[in-house]
Amino acid sequence: MRLVTRWDADQIAERVLQVASALDRSPEREGLVVVSVLKGASFFLADLARRFSAPASCEFISVRRGGNEILQIDFSTPFTVQGRPVLLLKDVVHSGVIETYLGEKLREAGASSVRVAAVIDKPQDRRTPVAVEHAL
């Protein structure tokens, strides 16, 4: 099997910088909670957090699926999103099911907004509409 390089390290670094800069300029930057869905988005979170001009709260969620159902969500540590904007990070957004479900749960927990960023966005695979604000 031959691996195809979609982006080189410099291209990824440049795009992460662009996303961090856009988020830094966002009116919703104050109090931002960045939630990484493990394990795939953890490196994206690390790269992004290093590029922010000011600290952001960084948290992790693990999602276990069985077929088309979400079976379990684990929070690595308890955290609050009450009244705060949330950026949900994913490695790949396929069907939109996980992102929609997590967005609903975060809004129910009091998040002022929930946005999605991903390394790879595959809108052609959507079963549930979800907006990906930033994709590399």
N, C-alpha and C. Protein backbone atom coordinates (compact mmCIF):
# COMPACT_ATOMS: atom_id res chain seq x y z
N MET A 1 0.84 -1.18 0.00
CA MET A 1 0.00 0.00 0.00
C MET A 1 0.89 1.24 0.00
N ARG A 2 0.62 2.13 -0.89
CA ARG A 2 1.39 3.36 -1.01
C ARG A 2 0.66 4.48 -0.28
N LEU A 3 1.37 5.16 0.61
CA LEU A 3 0.80 6.29 1.31
C LEU A 3 0.89 7.54 0.46
N VAL A 4 -0.18 8.30 0.45
CA VAL A 4 -0.21 9.54 -0.29
C VAL A 4 -0.15 10.68 0.72
N THR A 5 0.79 11.59 0.51
CA THR A 5 0.90 12.75 1.38
C THR A 5 -0.02 13.83 0.87
N ARG A 6 -1.00 14.17 1.70
CA ARG A 6 -1.95 15.21 1.32
C ARG A 6 -1.37 16.58 1.58
N TRP A 7 -0.74 16.73 2.76
CA TRP A 7 -0.11 17.98 3.14
C TRP A 7 1.24 17.67 3.78
N ASP A 8 2.22 18.54 3.54
CA ASP A 8 3.49 18.36 4.23
C ASP A 8 3.45 19.11 5.56
N ALA A 9 4.49 18.94 6.37
CA ALA A 9 4.52 19.52 7.72
C ALA A 9 4.39 21.04 7.69
N ASP A 10 5.03 21.68 6.72
CA ASP A 10 4.95 23.15 6.63
C ASP A 10 3.53 23.61 6.28
N GLN A 11 2.86 22.90 5.40
CA GLN A 11 1.49 23.26 5.04
C GLN A 11 0.55 23.09 6.23
N ILE A 12 0.73 22.02 6.99
CA ILE A 12 -0.09 21.80 8.18
C ILE A 12 0.15 22.90 9.20
N ALA A 13 1.41 23.22 9.45
CA ALA A 13 1.76 24.27 10.42
C ALA A 13 1.16 25.61 10.01
N GLU A 14 1.21 25.93 8.73
CA GLU A 14 0.66 27.19 8.24
C GLU A 14 -0.86 27.23 8.42
N ARG A 15 -1.52 26.13 8.10
CA ARG A 15 -2.98 26.10 8.25
C ARG A 15 -3.39 26.16 9.71
N VAL A 16 -2.66 25.48 10.61
CA VAL A 16 -2.96 25.55 12.04
C VAL A 16 -2.80 26.99 12.52
N LEU A 17 -1.76 27.66 12.07
CA LEU A 17 -1.55 29.07 12.43
C LEU A 17 -2.71 29.94 11.96
N GLN A 18 -3.20 29.70 10.75
CA GLN A 18 -4.34 30.46 10.23
C GLN A 18 -5.59 30.24 11.07
N VAL A 19 -5.83 28.99 11.47
CA VAL A 19 -7.00 28.68 12.30
C VAL A 19 -6.86 29.34 13.67
N ALA A 20 -5.69 29.24 14.28
CA ALA A 20 -5.45 29.87 15.60
C ALA A 20 -5.64 31.38 15.51
N SER A 21 -5.13 32.00 14.45
CA SER A 21 -5.27 33.44 14.28
C SER A 21 -6.73 33.84 14.12
N ALA A 22 -7.48 33.07 13.34
CA ALA A 22 -8.91 33.35 13.16
C ALA A 22 -9.65 33.23 14.49
N LEU A 23 -9.31 32.21 15.26
CA LEU A 23 -9.96 32.04 16.56
C LEU A 23 -9.58 33.16 17.52
N ASP A 24 -8.31 33.58 17.49
CA ASP A 24 -7.86 34.68 18.34
C ASP A 24 -8.62 35.97 18.06
N ARG A 25 -9.01 36.18 16.80
CA ARG A 25 -9.73 37.39 16.42
C ARG A 25 -11.23 37.28 16.66
N SER A 26 -11.70 36.09 16.96
CA SER A 26 -13.13 35.85 17.14
C SER A 26 -13.66 36.56 18.38
N PRO A 27 -14.86 37.14 18.28
CA PRO A 27 -15.45 37.76 19.47
C PRO A 27 -15.76 36.73 20.56
N GLU A 28 -15.81 35.46 20.21
CA GLU A 28 -16.09 34.40 21.18
C GLU A 28 -14.82 33.81 21.77
N ARG A 29 -13.69 34.46 21.61
CA ARG A 29 -12.42 33.93 22.11
C ARG A 29 -12.32 33.96 23.63
N GLU A 30 -12.95 34.96 24.26
CA GLU A 30 -12.90 35.10 25.71
C GLU A 30 -13.54 33.89 26.38
N GLY A 31 -12.78 33.21 27.23
CA GLY A 31 -13.29 32.06 27.97
C GLY A 31 -13.39 30.78 27.16
N LEU A 32 -12.76 30.74 25.99
CA LEU A 32 -12.86 29.59 25.09
C LEU A 32 -12.44 28.29 25.78
N VAL A 33 -13.26 27.25 25.58
CA VAL A 33 -12.94 25.90 26.02
C VAL A 33 -12.75 25.06 24.76
N VAL A 34 -11.55 24.53 24.56
CA VAL A 34 -11.26 23.69 23.42
C VAL A 34 -11.38 22.24 23.88
N VAL A 35 -12.29 21.50 23.26
CA VAL A 35 -12.55 20.12 23.65
C VAL A 35 -12.11 19.20 22.52
N SER A 36 -11.12 18.37 22.80
CA SER A 36 -10.57 17.45 21.83
C SER A 36 -11.22 16.08 22.00
N VAL A 37 -11.70 15.51 20.89
CA VAL A 37 -12.23 14.16 20.92
C VAL A 37 -11.05 13.21 20.72
N LEU A 38 -10.81 12.39 21.75
CA LEU A 38 -9.66 11.48 21.74
C LEU A 38 -9.90 10.34 20.77
N LYS A 39 -8.88 9.82 20.26
CA LYS A 39 -7.49 10.17 20.38
C LYS A 39 -7.04 11.02 19.20
N GLY A 40 -7.80 10.95 18.14
CA GLY A 40 -7.39 11.53 16.88
C GLY A 40 -7.07 13.01 16.87
N ALA A 41 -7.78 13.81 17.65
CA ALA A 41 -7.59 15.26 17.59
C ALA A 41 -6.57 15.78 18.59
N SER A 42 -5.94 14.91 19.35
CA SER A 42 -5.03 15.38 20.40
C SER A 42 -3.83 16.14 19.85
N PHE A 43 -3.26 15.71 18.74
CA PHE A 43 -2.12 16.43 18.17
C PHE A 43 -2.57 17.76 17.56
N PHE A 44 -3.76 17.77 16.98
CA PHE A 44 -4.34 19.01 16.47
C PHE A 44 -4.49 20.00 17.60
N LEU A 45 -5.01 19.55 18.74
CA LEU A 45 -5.15 20.42 19.91
C LEU A 45 -3.80 20.97 20.36
N ALA A 46 -2.80 20.11 20.45
CA ALA A 46 -1.48 20.56 20.90
C ALA A 46 -0.91 21.62 19.96
N ASP A 47 -0.99 21.38 18.66
CA ASP A 47 -0.47 22.35 17.69
C ASP A 47 -1.25 23.66 17.76
N LEU A 48 -2.56 23.56 17.87
CA LEU A 48 -3.41 24.75 17.91
C LEU A 48 -3.16 25.57 19.17
N ALA A 49 -3.12 24.90 20.30
CA ALA A 49 -2.93 25.61 21.59
C ALA A 49 -1.61 26.36 21.62
N ARG A 50 -0.57 25.81 21.01
CA ARG A 50 0.73 26.50 20.97
C ARG A 50 0.69 27.76 20.14
N ARG A 51 -0.28 27.86 19.24
CA ARG A 51 -0.37 29.02 18.34
C ARG A 51 -1.30 30.11 18.84
N PHE A 52 -2.10 29.83 19.87
CA PHE A 52 -2.98 30.86 20.41
C PHE A 52 -2.15 31.99 21.02
N SER A 53 -2.65 33.22 20.90
CA SER A 53 -1.95 34.36 21.50
C SER A 53 -2.19 34.45 23.01
N ALA A 54 -3.26 33.83 23.49
CA ALA A 54 -3.58 33.81 24.92
C ALA A 54 -4.03 32.40 25.28
N PRO A 55 -3.87 32.02 26.53
CA PRO A 55 -4.25 30.66 26.92
C PRO A 55 -5.73 30.37 26.70
N ALA A 56 -6.03 29.11 26.46
CA ALA A 56 -7.41 28.64 26.38
C ALA A 56 -7.50 27.39 27.25
N SER A 57 -8.66 27.13 27.74
CA SER A 57 -8.89 25.92 28.52
C SER A 57 -8.97 24.75 27.55
N CYS A 58 -8.20 23.70 27.79
CA CYS A 58 -8.16 22.54 26.91
C CYS A 58 -8.64 21.31 27.66
N GLU A 59 -9.60 20.60 27.09
CA GLU A 59 -10.19 19.43 27.72
C GLU A 59 -10.27 18.29 26.72
N PHE A 60 -10.53 17.08 27.24
CA PHE A 60 -10.59 15.89 26.39
C PHE A 60 -11.86 15.10 26.66
N ILE A 61 -12.42 14.54 25.58
CA ILE A 61 -13.58 13.65 25.65
C ILE A 61 -13.25 12.42 24.83
N SER A 62 -13.64 11.28 25.35
CA SER A 62 -13.53 10.03 24.60
C SER A 62 -14.93 9.56 24.25
N VAL A 63 -15.15 9.18 23.01
CA VAL A 63 -16.45 8.72 22.55
C VAL A 63 -16.30 7.30 22.03
N ARG A 64 -17.15 6.41 22.56
CA ARG A 64 -17.13 5.03 22.10
C ARG A 64 -18.44 4.78 21.36
N ARG A 65 -18.29 4.31 20.13
CA ARG A 65 -19.46 4.04 19.29
C ARG A 65 -19.62 2.55 19.09
N GLY A 66 -20.84 2.15 18.89
CA GLY A 66 -21.15 0.78 18.50
C GLY A 66 -22.09 0.86 17.31
N GLY A 67 -21.58 0.56 16.15
CA GLY A 67 -22.40 0.70 14.94
C GLY A 67 -22.75 2.16 14.73
N ASN A 68 -24.04 2.45 14.66
CA ASN A 68 -24.49 3.82 14.44
C ASN A 68 -24.86 4.54 15.73
N GLU A 69 -24.64 3.87 16.87
CA GLU A 69 -25.04 4.47 18.14
C GLU A 69 -23.82 4.90 18.96
N ILE A 70 -24.00 5.99 19.70
CA ILE A 70 -22.97 6.42 20.64
C ILE A 70 -23.26 5.69 21.94
N LEU A 71 -22.29 4.86 22.36
CA LEU A 71 -22.50 4.02 23.53
C LEU A 71 -22.04 4.68 24.82
N GLN A 72 -20.95 5.45 24.73
CA GLN A 72 -20.41 6.00 25.97
C GLN A 72 -19.56 7.23 25.66
N ILE A 73 -19.69 8.24 26.53
CA ILE A 73 -18.84 9.43 26.47
C ILE A 73 -18.11 9.50 27.79
N ASP A 74 -16.80 9.60 27.73
CA ASP A 74 -15.99 9.73 28.94
C ASP A 74 -15.28 11.07 28.93
N PHE A 75 -15.41 11.79 30.03
CA PHE A 75 -14.70 13.04 30.22
C PHE A 75 -13.44 12.70 30.99
N SER A 76 -12.27 13.06 30.47
CA SER A 76 -11.02 12.71 31.15
C SER A 76 -10.93 13.39 32.50
N THR A 77 -11.42 14.60 32.57
CA THR A 77 -11.52 15.32 33.83
C THR A 77 -12.83 16.11 33.79
N PRO A 78 -13.44 16.34 34.94
CA PRO A 78 -14.66 17.14 34.91
C PRO A 78 -14.33 18.59 34.53
N PHE A 79 -15.16 19.17 33.71
CA PHE A 79 -14.97 20.58 33.35
C PHE A 79 -16.33 21.21 33.11
N THR A 80 -16.36 22.51 33.20
CA THR A 80 -17.62 23.23 32.99
C THR A 80 -17.54 24.09 31.73
N VAL A 81 -18.66 24.15 31.05
CA VAL A 81 -18.75 25.00 29.86
C VAL A 81 -19.81 26.07 30.05
N GLN A 82 -20.40 26.12 31.22
CA GLN A 82 -21.50 27.06 31.51
C GLN A 82 -21.12 28.49 31.11
N GLY A 83 -21.87 29.04 30.16
CA GLY A 83 -21.66 30.42 29.73
C GLY A 83 -20.41 30.65 28.91
N ARG A 84 -19.75 29.59 28.48
CA ARG A 84 -18.49 29.73 27.74
C ARG A 84 -18.61 29.17 26.33
N PRO A 85 -17.89 29.76 25.38
CA PRO A 85 -17.87 29.21 24.02
C PRO A 85 -17.00 27.95 23.97
N VAL A 86 -17.40 26.99 23.15
CA VAL A 86 -16.68 25.73 23.01
C VAL A 86 -16.26 25.53 21.56
N LEU A 87 -15.02 25.08 21.39
CA LEU A 87 -14.54 24.64 20.08
C LEU A 87 -14.31 23.15 20.19
N LEU A 88 -15.07 22.37 19.45
CA LEU A 88 -14.97 20.92 19.45
C LEU A 88 -14.01 20.51 18.34
N LEU A 89 -12.93 19.80 18.72
CA LEU A 89 -11.93 19.38 17.74
C LEU A 89 -12.09 17.90 17.42
N LYS A 90 -12.08 17.57 16.13
CA LYS A 90 -12.15 16.19 15.67
C LYS A 90 -11.02 15.95 14.69
N ASP A 91 -10.61 14.70 14.57
CA ASP A 91 -9.64 14.39 13.54
C ASP A 91 -10.33 14.38 12.18
N VAL A 92 -11.38 13.56 12.04
CA VAL A 92 -12.13 13.47 10.79
C VAL A 92 -13.62 13.59 11.10
N VAL A 93 -14.30 14.47 10.39
CA VAL A 93 -15.75 14.56 10.50
C VAL A 93 -16.33 13.82 9.31
N HIS A 94 -17.00 12.70 9.61
CA HIS A 94 -17.63 11.88 8.57
C HIS A 94 -19.13 12.16 8.54
N SER A 95 -19.87 11.35 9.29
CA SER A 95 -21.34 11.39 9.22
C SER A 95 -21.95 12.61 9.90
N GLY A 96 -21.23 13.19 10.85
CA GLY A 96 -21.77 14.32 11.60
C GLY A 96 -22.53 13.89 12.84
N VAL A 97 -22.71 12.59 13.05
CA VAL A 97 -23.49 12.08 14.18
C VAL A 97 -22.84 12.42 15.51
N ILE A 98 -21.56 12.13 15.65
CA ILE A 98 -20.85 12.40 16.91
C ILE A 98 -20.83 13.89 17.20
N GLU A 99 -20.51 14.69 16.21
CA GLU A 99 -20.41 16.14 16.40
C GLU A 99 -21.75 16.75 16.79
N THR A 100 -22.83 16.28 16.15
CA THR A 100 -24.16 16.77 16.48
C THR A 100 -24.53 16.39 17.90
N TYR A 101 -24.29 15.15 18.27
CA TYR A 101 -24.61 14.67 19.60
C TYR A 101 -23.83 15.43 20.67
N LEU A 102 -22.52 15.55 20.47
CA LEU A 102 -21.69 16.27 21.44
C LEU A 102 -22.08 17.75 21.52
N GLY A 103 -22.38 18.34 20.39
CA GLY A 103 -22.83 19.74 20.38
C GLY A 103 -24.08 19.92 21.21
N GLU A 104 -25.04 19.00 21.06
CA GLU A 104 -26.27 19.07 21.86
C GLU A 104 -25.97 18.95 23.34
N LYS A 105 -25.12 17.99 23.71
CA LYS A 105 -24.78 17.77 25.12
C LYS A 105 -24.04 18.98 25.70
N LEU A 106 -23.14 19.57 24.94
CA LEU A 106 -22.41 20.74 25.43
C LEU A 106 -23.33 21.95 25.58
N ARG A 107 -24.28 22.10 24.66
CA ARG A 107 -25.26 23.19 24.79
C ARG A 107 -26.17 22.96 25.99
N GLU A 108 -26.57 21.70 26.20
CA GLU A 108 -27.38 21.37 27.38
C GLU A 108 -26.61 21.67 28.67
N ALA A 109 -25.29 21.55 28.62
CA ALA A 109 -24.45 21.84 29.79
C ALA A 109 -24.21 23.33 29.96
N GLY A 110 -24.77 24.14 29.05
CA GLY A 110 -24.70 25.58 29.21
C GLY A 110 -23.69 26.31 28.36
N ALA A 111 -23.07 25.64 27.38
CA ALA A 111 -22.13 26.33 26.50
C ALA A 111 -22.84 27.47 25.77
N SER A 112 -22.18 28.61 25.69
CA SER A 112 -22.78 29.75 24.99
C SER A 112 -22.81 29.53 23.48
N SER A 113 -21.87 28.74 22.98
CA SER A 113 -21.84 28.36 21.57
C SER A 113 -20.96 27.12 21.43
N VAL A 114 -21.18 26.38 20.36
CA VAL A 114 -20.35 25.22 20.06
C VAL A 114 -20.01 25.29 18.57
N ARG A 115 -18.71 25.33 18.30
CA ARG A 115 -18.22 25.32 16.92
C ARG A 115 -17.37 24.07 16.74
N VAL A 116 -17.19 23.66 15.49
CA VAL A 116 -16.45 22.44 15.18
C VAL A 116 -15.27 22.78 14.28
N ALA A 117 -14.11 22.19 14.60
CA ALA A 117 -12.93 22.26 13.74
C ALA A 117 -12.42 20.84 13.56
N ALA A 118 -11.86 20.55 12.40
CA ALA A 118 -11.40 19.20 12.11
C ALA A 118 -10.13 19.23 11.28
N VAL A 119 -9.37 18.17 11.39
CA VAL A 119 -8.21 18.02 10.51
C VAL A 119 -8.73 17.76 9.10
N ILE A 120 -9.68 16.84 8.99
CA ILE A 120 -10.26 16.49 7.68
C ILE A 120 -11.78 16.54 7.79
N ASP A 121 -12.41 17.19 6.83
CA ASP A 121 -13.86 17.26 6.75
C ASP A 121 -14.32 16.51 5.51
N LYS A 122 -15.28 15.59 5.70
CA LYS A 122 -15.81 14.81 4.58
C LYS A 122 -17.32 15.05 4.47
N PRO A 123 -17.71 16.21 3.96
CA PRO A 123 -19.15 16.54 3.90
C PRO A 123 -19.95 15.55 3.04
N GLN A 124 -19.30 14.88 2.11
CA GLN A 124 -20.00 13.91 1.26
C GLN A 124 -20.46 12.69 2.05
N ASP A 125 -19.94 12.49 3.26
CA ASP A 125 -20.31 11.34 4.10
C ASP A 125 -21.40 11.68 5.12
N ARG A 126 -21.93 12.90 5.12
CA ARG A 126 -22.86 13.34 6.15
C ARG A 126 -24.17 12.55 6.15
N ARG A 127 -24.58 12.18 7.36
CA ARG A 127 -25.92 11.65 7.61
C ARG A 127 -26.72 12.66 8.42
N THR A 128 -25.98 13.52 9.13
CA THR A 128 -26.58 14.57 9.94
C THR A 128 -25.88 15.86 9.59
N PRO A 129 -26.61 16.93 9.30
CA PRO A 129 -25.94 18.18 8.95
C PRO A 129 -25.17 18.74 10.13
N VAL A 130 -23.92 19.08 9.90
CA VAL A 130 -23.08 19.73 10.90
C VAL A 130 -22.13 20.68 10.17
N ALA A 131 -21.98 21.87 10.71
CA ALA A 131 -21.08 22.85 10.10
C ALA A 131 -19.69 22.67 10.69
N VAL A 132 -18.71 22.54 9.84
CA VAL A 132 -17.31 22.51 10.28
C VAL A 132 -16.74 23.88 9.94
N GLU A 133 -16.49 24.65 11.00
CA GLU A 133 -16.04 26.04 10.81
C GLU A 133 -14.61 26.11 10.28
N HIS A 134 -13.76 25.23 10.77
CA HIS A 134 -12.35 25.22 10.35
C HIS A 134 -11.94 23.79 10.03
N ALA A 135 -11.30 23.60 8.89
CA ALA A 135 -10.72 22.30 8.53
C ALA A 135 -9.37 22.57 7.91
N LEU A 136 -8.44 21.68 8.17
CA LEU A 136 -7.11 21.85 7.60
C LEU A 136 -7.15 21.47 6.15
